[in-house]
């Protein structure tokens, strides 16, 4: 098995382990970046270059909030429902074909499972895309719950997704650990009263 990402071993006493999906469990950030670049360019009728650092900094937030930020920065008005519809098939195809696991994080999942801990995924992504990702890299069976954008009113940096995950697995928030790759994900974990382990976006 691959080496686990480093973290304080004292956290292993906590019984709930909640994992972000994109960029954390799975190396999907480049796929999502290509998708956003493709669908924005299509909608505005010209090439749009989405700066990589900016894209990564916006990880974990909703499509509506992403579009609001792009309007603020670039003055582009985007039709969010149309954008999501355009991106759905493109993303499904490329997730099923190109997604790869993040071995160090998945090693943590295996380890905490051997300790008898409860595990969940809490992602701001759409259910269909998250399930495609988890099934493609064959780790869906490792989780007791999978929480996606459809399961919470507010996305990260609000705590709703993580609190929903803790509730679903029956573990108090203070007894949970979150593994995340985005600053907004950490904000959400902090707001939920959970410990957070940060990893580099994959």
N, C-alpha and C. Protein backbone atom coordinates (compact mmCIF):
# COMPACT_ATOMS: atom_id res chain seq x y z
N UNK A 1 0.84 -1.19 0.00
CA UNK A 1 0.00 0.00 0.00
C UNK A 1 0.88 1.24 0.00
N UNK A 2 0.43 2.31 -0.63
CA UNK A 2 1.18 3.56 -0.68
C UNK A 2 1.30 4.18 0.70
N UNK A 3 2.37 4.95 0.90
CA UNK A 3 2.56 5.65 2.16
C UNK A 3 1.46 6.67 2.36
N UNK A 4 1.02 6.80 3.61
CA UNK A 4 -0.01 7.78 3.91
C UNK A 4 0.57 9.19 3.90
N UNK A 5 -0.29 10.17 3.67
CA UNK A 5 0.12 11.55 3.85
C UNK A 5 0.46 11.76 5.33
N UNK A 6 1.40 12.64 5.65
CA UNK A 6 1.77 12.84 7.05
C UNK A 6 0.71 13.65 7.81
N UNK A 7 0.46 13.27 9.06
CA UNK A 7 -0.42 14.04 9.93
C UNK A 7 -0.15 13.64 11.36
N UNK A 8 -0.69 14.41 12.29
CA UNK A 8 -0.50 14.15 13.72
C UNK A 8 -1.17 12.82 14.08
N UNK A 9 -0.42 11.82 14.51
CA UNK A 9 -1.02 10.52 14.82
C UNK A 9 -2.06 10.57 15.93
N UNK A 10 -2.04 11.63 16.75
CA UNK A 10 -3.04 11.76 17.81
C UNK A 10 -4.45 11.86 17.23
N UNK A 11 -4.55 12.31 15.97
CA UNK A 11 -5.87 12.43 15.33
C UNK A 11 -6.52 11.07 15.09
N UNK A 12 -5.73 10.01 15.12
CA UNK A 12 -6.28 8.68 14.87
C UNK A 12 -7.24 8.23 15.97
N UNK A 13 -7.28 8.97 17.06
CA UNK A 13 -8.25 8.65 18.12
C UNK A 13 -9.65 9.10 17.72
N UNK A 14 -9.75 9.98 16.74
CA UNK A 14 -11.06 10.49 16.32
C UNK A 14 -11.75 9.45 15.44
N UNK A 15 -13.07 9.32 15.63
CA UNK A 15 -13.78 8.19 15.03
C UNK A 15 -14.46 8.49 13.70
N UNK A 16 -14.51 9.76 13.31
CA UNK A 16 -15.12 10.11 12.03
C UNK A 16 -14.11 10.75 11.09
N UNK A 17 -14.00 10.21 9.88
CA UNK A 17 -13.03 10.72 8.90
C UNK A 17 -13.77 11.10 7.63
N UNK A 18 -13.68 12.39 7.28
CA UNK A 18 -14.44 12.94 6.16
C UNK A 18 -13.46 13.46 5.11
N UNK A 19 -13.65 13.02 3.88
CA UNK A 19 -12.71 13.31 2.81
C UNK A 19 -13.37 14.13 1.71
N UNK A 20 -12.71 15.20 1.31
CA UNK A 20 -13.08 15.88 0.06
C UNK A 20 -12.77 14.92 -1.09
N UNK A 21 -13.43 15.12 -2.23
CA UNK A 21 -13.21 14.23 -3.37
C UNK A 21 -12.20 14.82 -4.37
N UNK A 22 -12.60 15.86 -5.07
CA UNK A 22 -11.77 16.40 -6.15
C UNK A 22 -10.51 17.07 -5.63
N UNK A 23 -9.38 16.59 -6.12
CA UNK A 23 -8.10 17.13 -5.70
C UNK A 23 -7.57 16.52 -4.42
N UNK A 24 -8.40 15.72 -3.74
CA UNK A 24 -8.02 15.11 -2.46
C UNK A 24 -7.96 13.60 -2.60
N UNK A 25 -9.11 12.96 -2.70
CA UNK A 25 -9.13 11.51 -2.96
C UNK A 25 -8.70 11.18 -4.38
N UNK A 26 -9.07 12.06 -5.30
CA UNK A 26 -8.84 11.79 -6.73
C UNK A 26 -8.11 12.96 -7.38
N UNK A 27 -7.23 12.62 -8.31
CA UNK A 27 -6.49 13.64 -9.06
C UNK A 27 -7.35 14.12 -10.22
N UNK A 28 -8.27 15.02 -9.90
CA UNK A 28 -9.26 15.48 -10.89
C UNK A 28 -9.15 16.96 -11.21
N UNK A 29 -8.28 17.68 -10.54
CA UNK A 29 -8.30 19.13 -10.69
C UNK A 29 -8.02 19.57 -12.13
N UNK A 30 -7.09 18.89 -12.80
CA UNK A 30 -6.79 19.26 -14.19
C UNK A 30 -7.98 18.96 -15.10
N UNK A 31 -8.72 17.89 -14.80
CA UNK A 31 -9.90 17.55 -15.60
C UNK A 31 -10.98 18.62 -15.41
N UNK A 32 -11.21 19.02 -14.17
CA UNK A 32 -12.21 20.06 -13.92
C UNK A 32 -11.77 21.40 -14.51
N UNK A 33 -10.49 21.67 -14.47
CA UNK A 33 -9.98 22.91 -15.06
C UNK A 33 -10.23 22.94 -16.56
N UNK A 34 -9.95 21.82 -17.23
CA UNK A 34 -10.21 21.74 -18.68
C UNK A 34 -11.69 21.91 -18.97
N UNK A 35 -12.52 21.33 -18.13
CA UNK A 35 -13.96 21.43 -18.33
C UNK A 35 -14.43 22.87 -18.22
N UNK A 36 -14.03 23.55 -17.16
CA UNK A 36 -14.44 24.94 -16.98
C UNK A 36 -13.94 25.82 -18.13
N UNK A 37 -12.70 25.61 -18.55
CA UNK A 37 -12.15 26.39 -19.67
C UNK A 37 -12.98 26.16 -20.93
N UNK A 38 -13.33 24.90 -21.17
CA UNK A 38 -14.11 24.53 -22.36
C UNK A 38 -15.50 25.16 -22.35
N UNK A 39 -16.22 25.05 -21.23
CA UNK A 39 -17.61 25.50 -21.22
C UNK A 39 -17.72 27.02 -21.16
N UNK A 40 -16.77 27.69 -20.50
CA UNK A 40 -16.79 29.16 -20.50
C UNK A 40 -16.49 29.68 -21.90
N UNK A 41 -15.47 29.12 -22.54
CA UNK A 41 -15.11 29.55 -23.90
C UNK A 41 -16.29 29.36 -24.85
N UNK A 42 -16.98 28.23 -24.70
CA UNK A 42 -18.14 27.97 -25.56
C UNK A 42 -19.23 29.00 -25.33
N UNK A 43 -19.49 29.34 -24.08
CA UNK A 43 -20.59 30.26 -23.78
C UNK A 43 -20.28 31.69 -24.20
N UNK A 44 -19.05 32.15 -24.02
CA UNK A 44 -18.76 33.55 -24.35
C UNK A 44 -18.31 33.70 -25.81
N UNK A 45 -18.13 32.59 -26.52
CA UNK A 45 -17.82 32.65 -27.94
C UNK A 45 -16.41 33.05 -28.28
N UNK A 46 -15.50 32.87 -27.34
CA UNK A 46 -14.08 33.15 -27.59
C UNK A 46 -13.26 32.37 -26.57
N UNK A 47 -11.98 32.16 -26.86
CA UNK A 47 -11.16 31.42 -25.90
C UNK A 47 -11.06 32.14 -24.56
N UNK A 48 -11.20 31.38 -23.50
CA UNK A 48 -11.03 31.93 -22.16
C UNK A 48 -9.98 31.10 -21.44
N UNK A 49 -8.99 31.78 -20.91
CA UNK A 49 -7.94 31.10 -20.14
C UNK A 49 -8.22 31.30 -18.66
N UNK A 50 -8.54 30.22 -17.98
CA UNK A 50 -8.83 30.25 -16.55
C UNK A 50 -7.50 30.03 -15.83
N UNK A 51 -6.92 31.07 -15.21
CA UNK A 51 -5.61 30.88 -14.56
C UNK A 51 -5.64 29.73 -13.55
N UNK A 52 -4.65 28.85 -13.63
CA UNK A 52 -4.63 27.66 -12.80
C UNK A 52 -4.64 27.98 -11.31
N UNK A 53 -3.83 28.94 -10.89
CA UNK A 53 -3.78 29.29 -9.47
C UNK A 53 -5.12 29.82 -8.98
N UNK A 54 -5.77 30.62 -9.81
CA UNK A 54 -7.09 31.14 -9.45
C UNK A 54 -8.09 30.00 -9.35
N UNK A 55 -8.05 29.10 -10.30
CA UNK A 55 -8.97 27.96 -10.29
C UNK A 55 -8.79 27.15 -9.01
N UNK A 56 -7.55 26.84 -8.65
CA UNK A 56 -7.30 26.05 -7.45
C UNK A 56 -7.74 26.79 -6.19
N UNK A 57 -7.58 28.11 -6.19
CA UNK A 57 -7.97 28.89 -5.02
C UNK A 57 -9.48 28.89 -4.81
N UNK A 58 -10.23 28.57 -5.87
CA UNK A 58 -11.69 28.57 -5.79
C UNK A 58 -12.26 27.17 -5.59
N UNK A 59 -11.38 26.21 -5.34
CA UNK A 59 -11.82 24.84 -5.13
C UNK A 59 -12.81 24.73 -3.98
N UNK A 60 -13.84 23.91 -4.18
CA UNK A 60 -14.80 23.65 -3.12
C UNK A 60 -15.98 24.59 -3.07
N UNK A 61 -16.00 25.64 -3.90
CA UNK A 61 -17.15 26.54 -3.88
C UNK A 61 -18.11 26.16 -4.99
N UNK A 62 -19.33 26.65 -4.89
CA UNK A 62 -20.37 26.28 -5.85
C UNK A 62 -20.13 26.91 -7.21
N UNK A 63 -20.79 26.36 -8.22
CA UNK A 63 -20.70 26.93 -9.57
C UNK A 63 -21.23 28.36 -9.59
N UNK A 64 -22.31 28.63 -8.85
CA UNK A 64 -22.85 29.99 -8.80
C UNK A 64 -21.84 30.97 -8.23
N UNK A 65 -21.17 30.57 -7.15
CA UNK A 65 -20.17 31.45 -6.54
C UNK A 65 -18.95 31.61 -7.43
N UNK A 66 -18.57 30.54 -8.14
CA UNK A 66 -17.46 30.62 -9.08
C UNK A 66 -17.77 31.63 -10.18
N UNK A 67 -18.97 31.55 -10.73
CA UNK A 67 -19.36 32.46 -11.80
C UNK A 67 -19.45 33.90 -11.31
N UNK A 68 -19.91 34.09 -10.09
CA UNK A 68 -19.97 35.44 -9.53
C UNK A 68 -18.57 36.03 -9.40
N UNK A 69 -17.63 35.19 -8.99
CA UNK A 69 -16.24 35.65 -8.86
C UNK A 69 -15.65 35.98 -10.23
N UNK A 70 -15.94 35.16 -11.24
CA UNK A 70 -15.43 35.43 -12.59
C UNK A 70 -16.02 36.71 -13.17
N UNK A 71 -17.28 36.97 -12.85
CA UNK A 71 -17.89 38.23 -13.30
C UNK A 71 -17.18 39.42 -12.67
N UNK A 72 -16.88 39.29 -11.39
CA UNK A 72 -16.19 40.36 -10.68
C UNK A 72 -14.80 40.61 -11.27
N UNK A 73 -14.11 39.54 -11.61
CA UNK A 73 -12.73 39.66 -12.10
C UNK A 73 -12.64 40.01 -13.58
N UNK A 74 -13.54 39.42 -14.40
CA UNK A 74 -13.40 39.53 -15.85
C UNK A 74 -14.60 40.20 -16.55
N UNK A 75 -15.64 40.50 -15.78
CA UNK A 75 -16.80 41.16 -16.37
C UNK A 75 -17.62 40.28 -17.29
N UNK A 76 -17.53 38.95 -17.13
CA UNK A 76 -18.28 38.05 -18.00
C UNK A 76 -19.53 37.55 -17.27
N UNK A 77 -20.68 37.69 -17.96
CA UNK A 77 -21.95 37.21 -17.43
C UNK A 77 -22.17 35.79 -17.91
N UNK A 78 -22.27 34.85 -17.00
CA UNK A 78 -22.41 33.45 -17.38
C UNK A 78 -23.76 32.91 -16.93
N UNK A 79 -24.39 32.15 -17.82
CA UNK A 79 -25.65 31.48 -17.53
C UNK A 79 -25.29 30.17 -16.83
N UNK A 80 -25.48 30.13 -15.51
CA UNK A 80 -24.99 28.99 -14.73
C UNK A 80 -25.69 27.68 -15.11
N UNK A 81 -27.03 27.63 -15.21
CA UNK A 81 -27.66 26.37 -15.60
C UNK A 81 -27.19 25.87 -16.97
N UNK A 82 -27.02 26.78 -17.92
CA UNK A 82 -26.53 26.38 -19.23
C UNK A 82 -25.08 25.90 -19.14
N UNK A 83 -24.31 26.59 -18.33
CA UNK A 83 -22.90 26.20 -18.14
C UNK A 83 -22.81 24.78 -17.58
N UNK A 84 -23.63 24.49 -16.58
CA UNK A 84 -23.60 23.16 -15.97
C UNK A 84 -24.08 22.09 -16.94
N UNK A 85 -25.09 22.43 -17.74
CA UNK A 85 -25.59 21.47 -18.73
C UNK A 85 -24.52 21.18 -19.78
N UNK A 86 -23.83 22.21 -20.23
CA UNK A 86 -22.77 22.03 -21.23
C UNK A 86 -21.62 21.19 -20.68
N UNK A 87 -21.34 21.39 -19.39
CA UNK A 87 -20.19 20.70 -18.81
C UNK A 87 -20.46 19.28 -18.38
N UNK A 88 -21.73 18.92 -18.21
CA UNK A 88 -22.05 17.62 -17.62
C UNK A 88 -21.47 16.45 -18.44
N UNK A 89 -21.83 16.37 -19.72
CA UNK A 89 -21.38 15.24 -20.54
C UNK A 89 -19.87 15.25 -20.73
N UNK A 90 -19.32 16.45 -20.95
CA UNK A 90 -17.87 16.58 -21.14
C UNK A 90 -17.14 16.04 -19.91
N UNK A 91 -17.61 16.44 -18.73
CA UNK A 91 -16.95 16.03 -17.50
C UNK A 91 -17.12 14.54 -17.25
N UNK A 92 -18.32 14.03 -17.47
CA UNK A 92 -18.55 12.59 -17.25
C UNK A 92 -17.61 11.75 -18.12
N UNK A 93 -17.46 12.13 -19.37
CA UNK A 93 -16.59 11.39 -20.28
C UNK A 93 -15.15 11.40 -19.79
N UNK A 94 -14.67 12.59 -19.41
CA UNK A 94 -13.26 12.71 -19.05
C UNK A 94 -12.96 12.17 -17.65
N UNK A 95 -13.94 12.25 -16.75
CA UNK A 95 -13.72 11.62 -15.44
C UNK A 95 -13.59 10.11 -15.58
N UNK A 96 -14.49 9.53 -16.37
CA UNK A 96 -14.47 8.07 -16.55
C UNK A 96 -13.21 7.59 -17.26
N UNK A 97 -12.62 8.48 -18.05
CA UNK A 97 -11.46 8.09 -18.87
C UNK A 97 -10.12 8.46 -18.22
N UNK A 98 -10.06 9.61 -17.57
CA UNK A 98 -8.77 10.18 -17.18
C UNK A 98 -8.50 10.25 -15.68
N UNK A 99 -9.51 10.05 -14.85
CA UNK A 99 -9.31 10.25 -13.42
C UNK A 99 -8.37 9.21 -12.83
N UNK A 100 -7.54 9.65 -11.88
CA UNK A 100 -6.61 8.77 -11.18
C UNK A 100 -6.75 8.97 -9.68
N UNK A 101 -6.45 7.94 -8.89
CA UNK A 101 -6.52 8.08 -7.43
C UNK A 101 -5.35 8.88 -6.89
N UNK A 102 -5.51 9.41 -5.69
CA UNK A 102 -4.43 10.06 -4.96
C UNK A 102 -3.97 9.08 -3.88
N UNK A 103 -2.92 8.32 -4.14
CA UNK A 103 -2.58 7.16 -3.30
C UNK A 103 -2.37 7.46 -1.82
N UNK A 104 -1.70 8.58 -1.50
CA UNK A 104 -1.42 8.88 -0.10
C UNK A 104 -2.68 9.11 0.71
N UNK A 105 -3.68 9.75 0.10
CA UNK A 105 -4.94 9.99 0.81
C UNK A 105 -5.74 8.70 0.92
N UNK A 106 -5.76 7.91 -0.13
CA UNK A 106 -6.51 6.66 -0.10
C UNK A 106 -5.90 5.69 0.92
N UNK A 107 -4.60 5.78 1.10
CA UNK A 107 -3.96 4.96 2.14
C UNK A 107 -4.49 5.33 3.53
N UNK A 108 -4.80 6.60 3.73
CA UNK A 108 -5.38 7.03 5.00
C UNK A 108 -6.76 6.41 5.18
N UNK A 109 -7.55 6.41 4.10
CA UNK A 109 -8.89 5.80 4.17
C UNK A 109 -8.78 4.35 4.61
N UNK A 110 -7.91 3.60 3.97
CA UNK A 110 -7.73 2.19 4.33
C UNK A 110 -7.30 2.03 5.79
N UNK A 111 -6.39 2.89 6.22
CA UNK A 111 -5.87 2.77 7.58
C UNK A 111 -6.96 3.04 8.61
N UNK A 112 -7.71 4.13 8.44
CA UNK A 112 -8.73 4.44 9.46
C UNK A 112 -9.86 3.41 9.43
N UNK A 113 -10.09 2.81 8.27
CA UNK A 113 -11.09 1.73 8.21
C UNK A 113 -10.63 0.53 9.04
N UNK A 114 -9.34 0.23 9.00
CA UNK A 114 -8.83 -0.91 9.79
C UNK A 114 -8.96 -0.64 11.29
N UNK A 115 -9.03 0.63 11.68
CA UNK A 115 -9.19 1.00 13.08
C UNK A 115 -10.66 0.99 13.50
N UNK A 116 -11.55 0.73 12.56
CA UNK A 116 -12.97 0.68 12.86
C UNK A 116 -13.65 2.03 12.83
N UNK A 117 -12.99 3.04 12.25
CA UNK A 117 -13.58 4.38 12.19
C UNK A 117 -14.60 4.47 11.06
N UNK A 118 -15.47 5.45 11.17
CA UNK A 118 -16.48 5.71 10.13
C UNK A 118 -15.90 6.71 9.12
N UNK A 119 -16.27 6.52 7.86
CA UNK A 119 -15.71 7.36 6.80
C UNK A 119 -16.82 7.93 5.92
N UNK A 120 -16.56 9.12 5.39
CA UNK A 120 -17.51 9.76 4.48
C UNK A 120 -16.76 10.61 3.47
N UNK A 121 -17.42 10.85 2.35
CA UNK A 121 -16.98 11.84 1.37
C UNK A 121 -17.91 13.03 1.50
N UNK A 122 -17.34 14.24 1.50
CA UNK A 122 -18.15 15.46 1.50
C UNK A 122 -17.60 16.37 0.42
N UNK A 123 -18.32 16.45 -0.70
CA UNK A 123 -17.85 17.17 -1.88
C UNK A 123 -18.88 18.21 -2.31
N UNK A 124 -18.37 19.35 -2.78
CA UNK A 124 -19.24 20.37 -3.35
C UNK A 124 -19.64 20.03 -4.78
N UNK A 125 -19.13 18.93 -5.31
CA UNK A 125 -19.46 18.52 -6.67
C UNK A 125 -20.85 17.90 -6.77
N UNK A 126 -21.32 17.79 -8.02
CA UNK A 126 -22.61 17.16 -8.27
C UNK A 126 -22.52 15.66 -8.00
N UNK A 127 -23.64 15.10 -7.53
CA UNK A 127 -23.68 13.69 -7.17
C UNK A 127 -23.19 12.79 -8.30
N UNK A 128 -23.67 13.04 -9.53
CA UNK A 128 -23.29 12.15 -10.64
C UNK A 128 -21.79 12.17 -10.88
N UNK A 129 -21.18 13.36 -10.79
CA UNK A 129 -19.74 13.46 -11.05
C UNK A 129 -18.92 12.82 -9.92
N UNK A 130 -19.35 13.05 -8.69
CA UNK A 130 -18.63 12.46 -7.56
C UNK A 130 -18.72 10.94 -7.61
N UNK A 131 -19.91 10.42 -7.89
CA UNK A 131 -20.06 8.96 -7.96
C UNK A 131 -19.25 8.38 -9.12
N UNK A 132 -19.23 9.06 -10.26
CA UNK A 132 -18.40 8.59 -11.38
C UNK A 132 -16.94 8.52 -10.97
N UNK A 133 -16.47 9.56 -10.29
CA UNK A 133 -15.07 9.59 -9.84
C UNK A 133 -14.76 8.45 -8.88
N UNK A 134 -15.59 8.29 -7.85
CA UNK A 134 -15.33 7.25 -6.85
C UNK A 134 -15.43 5.85 -7.44
N UNK A 135 -16.38 5.66 -8.33
CA UNK A 135 -16.52 4.34 -8.96
C UNK A 135 -15.38 4.04 -9.93
N UNK A 136 -14.92 5.06 -10.65
CA UNK A 136 -13.85 4.86 -11.62
C UNK A 136 -12.56 4.44 -10.94
N UNK A 137 -12.28 5.03 -9.78
CA UNK A 137 -11.04 4.65 -9.08
C UNK A 137 -11.31 3.56 -8.02
N UNK A 138 -12.52 3.02 -8.05
CA UNK A 138 -12.89 1.83 -7.28
C UNK A 138 -12.70 1.99 -5.77
N UNK A 139 -13.24 3.12 -5.24
CA UNK A 139 -13.15 3.31 -3.79
C UNK A 139 -14.51 3.60 -3.15
N UNK A 140 -15.58 3.57 -3.91
CA UNK A 140 -16.90 3.87 -3.36
C UNK A 140 -17.21 3.01 -2.12
N UNK A 141 -16.80 1.75 -2.17
CA UNK A 141 -17.13 0.82 -1.09
C UNK A 141 -16.43 1.15 0.23
N UNK A 142 -15.47 2.05 0.20
CA UNK A 142 -14.72 2.38 1.41
C UNK A 142 -15.44 3.39 2.30
N UNK A 143 -16.56 3.94 1.83
CA UNK A 143 -17.21 5.03 2.55
C UNK A 143 -18.60 4.65 3.05
N UNK A 144 -18.88 5.08 4.27
CA UNK A 144 -20.18 4.83 4.88
C UNK A 144 -21.23 5.83 4.41
N UNK A 145 -20.79 6.95 3.85
CA UNK A 145 -21.72 7.96 3.33
C UNK A 145 -21.00 8.79 2.28
N UNK A 146 -21.76 9.26 1.31
CA UNK A 146 -21.23 10.17 0.29
C UNK A 146 -22.17 11.37 0.22
N UNK A 147 -21.66 12.54 0.61
CA UNK A 147 -22.43 13.77 0.64
C UNK A 147 -21.97 14.65 -0.52
N UNK A 148 -22.92 15.17 -1.29
CA UNK A 148 -22.58 16.01 -2.45
C UNK A 148 -23.40 17.30 -2.41
N UNK A 149 -23.23 18.11 -3.44
CA UNK A 149 -23.88 19.43 -3.49
C UNK A 149 -25.38 19.35 -3.27
N UNK A 150 -26.00 18.26 -3.71
CA UNK A 150 -27.44 18.12 -3.58
C UNK A 150 -27.91 17.91 -2.14
N UNK A 151 -26.97 17.62 -1.24
CA UNK A 151 -27.33 17.26 0.14
C UNK A 151 -27.22 18.41 1.13
N UNK A 152 -26.86 19.60 0.67
CA UNK A 152 -26.70 20.73 1.60
C UNK A 152 -27.13 22.02 0.91
N UNK A 153 -27.69 22.93 1.68
CA UNK A 153 -28.16 24.20 1.11
C UNK A 153 -27.00 25.10 0.72
N UNK A 154 -25.93 25.05 1.51
CA UNK A 154 -24.81 25.94 1.26
C UNK A 154 -23.53 25.13 1.04
N UNK A 155 -22.69 25.65 0.15
CA UNK A 155 -21.43 24.97 -0.16
C UNK A 155 -20.32 25.52 0.74
N UNK A 156 -19.14 24.98 0.57
CA UNK A 156 -17.98 25.49 1.28
C UNK A 156 -17.74 26.95 0.86
N UNK A 157 -17.36 27.83 1.75
CA UNK A 157 -16.75 27.62 3.08
C UNK A 157 -17.74 27.45 4.23
N UNK A 158 -19.03 27.36 3.95
CA UNK A 158 -20.00 27.06 5.01
C UNK A 158 -19.80 25.60 5.46
N UNK A 159 -20.18 25.27 6.68
CA UNK A 159 -19.92 23.94 7.21
C UNK A 159 -20.94 22.87 6.84
N UNK A 160 -21.97 23.24 6.06
CA UNK A 160 -23.12 22.36 5.86
C UNK A 160 -22.76 20.96 5.35
N UNK A 161 -21.88 20.88 4.37
CA UNK A 161 -21.53 19.58 3.79
C UNK A 161 -20.87 18.67 4.83
N UNK A 162 -19.97 19.23 5.61
CA UNK A 162 -19.27 18.43 6.61
C UNK A 162 -20.20 18.04 7.76
N UNK A 163 -21.07 18.96 8.15
CA UNK A 163 -22.02 18.63 9.21
C UNK A 163 -23.00 17.55 8.75
N UNK A 164 -23.41 17.62 7.48
CA UNK A 164 -24.29 16.58 6.94
C UNK A 164 -23.59 15.22 6.92
N UNK A 165 -22.29 15.22 6.59
CA UNK A 165 -21.52 13.98 6.58
C UNK A 165 -21.41 13.40 7.98
N UNK A 166 -21.10 14.25 8.96
CA UNK A 166 -20.99 13.78 10.34
C UNK A 166 -22.32 13.20 10.83
N UNK A 167 -23.39 13.87 10.49
CA UNK A 167 -24.72 13.39 10.89
C UNK A 167 -25.02 12.04 10.25
N UNK A 168 -24.67 11.90 8.97
CA UNK A 168 -24.96 10.66 8.24
C UNK A 168 -24.19 9.47 8.81
N UNK A 169 -22.95 9.71 9.27
CA UNK A 169 -22.18 8.59 9.81
C UNK A 169 -22.34 8.45 11.32
N UNK A 170 -23.09 9.36 11.93
CA UNK A 170 -23.40 9.24 13.35
C UNK A 170 -22.26 9.55 14.29
N UNK A 171 -21.39 10.49 13.87
CA UNK A 171 -20.25 10.88 14.70
C UNK A 171 -20.33 12.38 14.98
N UNK A 172 -20.10 12.78 16.23
CA UNK A 172 -20.15 14.20 16.59
C UNK A 172 -19.07 14.97 15.83
N UNK A 173 -19.35 16.21 15.40
CA UNK A 173 -18.35 16.99 14.67
C UNK A 173 -17.00 17.09 15.38
N UNK A 174 -17.01 17.25 16.68
CA UNK A 174 -15.74 17.38 17.42
C UNK A 174 -14.92 16.10 17.40
N UNK A 175 -15.54 15.00 16.98
CA UNK A 175 -14.85 13.71 16.92
C UNK A 175 -14.50 13.35 15.47
N UNK A 176 -14.54 14.36 14.59
CA UNK A 176 -14.29 14.13 13.15
C UNK A 176 -13.01 14.82 12.69
N UNK A 177 -12.41 14.23 11.67
CA UNK A 177 -11.25 14.80 10.98
C UNK A 177 -11.63 14.96 9.51
N UNK A 178 -11.31 16.11 8.96
CA UNK A 178 -11.53 16.38 7.54
C UNK A 178 -10.20 16.38 6.81
N UNK A 179 -10.16 15.79 5.62
CA UNK A 179 -8.98 15.91 4.76
C UNK A 179 -9.39 16.69 3.52
N UNK A 180 -8.69 17.79 3.29
CA UNK A 180 -9.07 18.77 2.26
C UNK A 180 -7.85 19.26 1.49
N UNK A 181 -8.14 19.81 0.29
CA UNK A 181 -7.06 20.40 -0.50
C UNK A 181 -7.25 21.89 -0.75
N UNK A 182 -8.40 22.46 -0.33
CA UNK A 182 -8.66 23.86 -0.66
C UNK A 182 -8.81 24.72 0.59
N UNK A 183 -8.41 25.99 0.51
CA UNK A 183 -8.59 26.89 1.66
C UNK A 183 -10.04 26.99 2.10
N UNK A 184 -10.98 27.01 1.14
CA UNK A 184 -12.39 27.10 1.52
C UNK A 184 -12.86 25.82 2.21
N UNK A 185 -12.29 24.71 1.82
CA UNK A 185 -12.60 23.47 2.51
C UNK A 185 -12.15 23.51 3.96
N UNK A 186 -10.97 24.07 4.20
CA UNK A 186 -10.49 24.20 5.57
C UNK A 186 -11.37 25.15 6.37
N UNK A 187 -11.79 26.25 5.73
CA UNK A 187 -12.71 27.17 6.40
C UNK A 187 -13.98 26.44 6.83
N UNK A 188 -14.48 25.59 5.93
CA UNK A 188 -15.71 24.85 6.22
C UNK A 188 -15.49 23.88 7.37
N UNK A 189 -14.35 23.20 7.38
CA UNK A 189 -14.04 22.27 8.47
C UNK A 189 -13.92 23.02 9.80
N UNK A 190 -13.23 24.15 9.77
CA UNK A 190 -13.09 24.96 10.98
C UNK A 190 -14.47 25.39 11.49
N UNK A 191 -15.32 25.83 10.57
CA UNK A 191 -16.66 26.29 10.95
C UNK A 191 -17.51 25.15 11.52
N UNK A 192 -17.21 23.93 11.08
CA UNK A 192 -17.93 22.75 11.58
C UNK A 192 -17.38 22.25 12.90
N UNK A 193 -16.26 22.83 13.36
CA UNK A 193 -15.64 22.38 14.60
C UNK A 193 -14.88 21.09 14.46
N UNK A 194 -14.33 20.85 13.26
CA UNK A 194 -13.61 19.60 12.98
C UNK A 194 -12.13 19.88 12.76
N UNK A 195 -11.29 18.93 13.13
CA UNK A 195 -9.88 19.02 12.78
C UNK A 195 -9.73 18.89 11.28
N UNK A 196 -8.69 19.52 10.72
CA UNK A 196 -8.52 19.48 9.27
C UNK A 196 -7.07 19.20 8.91
N UNK A 197 -6.87 18.24 8.02
CA UNK A 197 -5.56 17.93 7.45
C UNK A 197 -5.56 18.42 6.01
N UNK A 198 -4.60 19.28 5.68
CA UNK A 198 -4.54 19.84 4.33
C UNK A 198 -3.54 19.07 3.47
N UNK A 199 -3.91 18.87 2.20
CA UNK A 199 -3.02 18.24 1.23
C UNK A 199 -2.89 19.14 0.02
N UNK A 200 -1.87 18.93 -0.77
CA UNK A 200 -1.71 19.68 -2.01
C UNK A 200 -2.77 19.23 -3.00
N UNK A 201 -3.38 20.14 -3.77
CA UNK A 201 -4.39 19.74 -4.76
C UNK A 201 -3.81 18.78 -5.78
N UNK A 202 -4.54 17.73 -6.08
CA UNK A 202 -4.08 16.72 -7.05
C UNK A 202 -4.89 16.80 -8.33
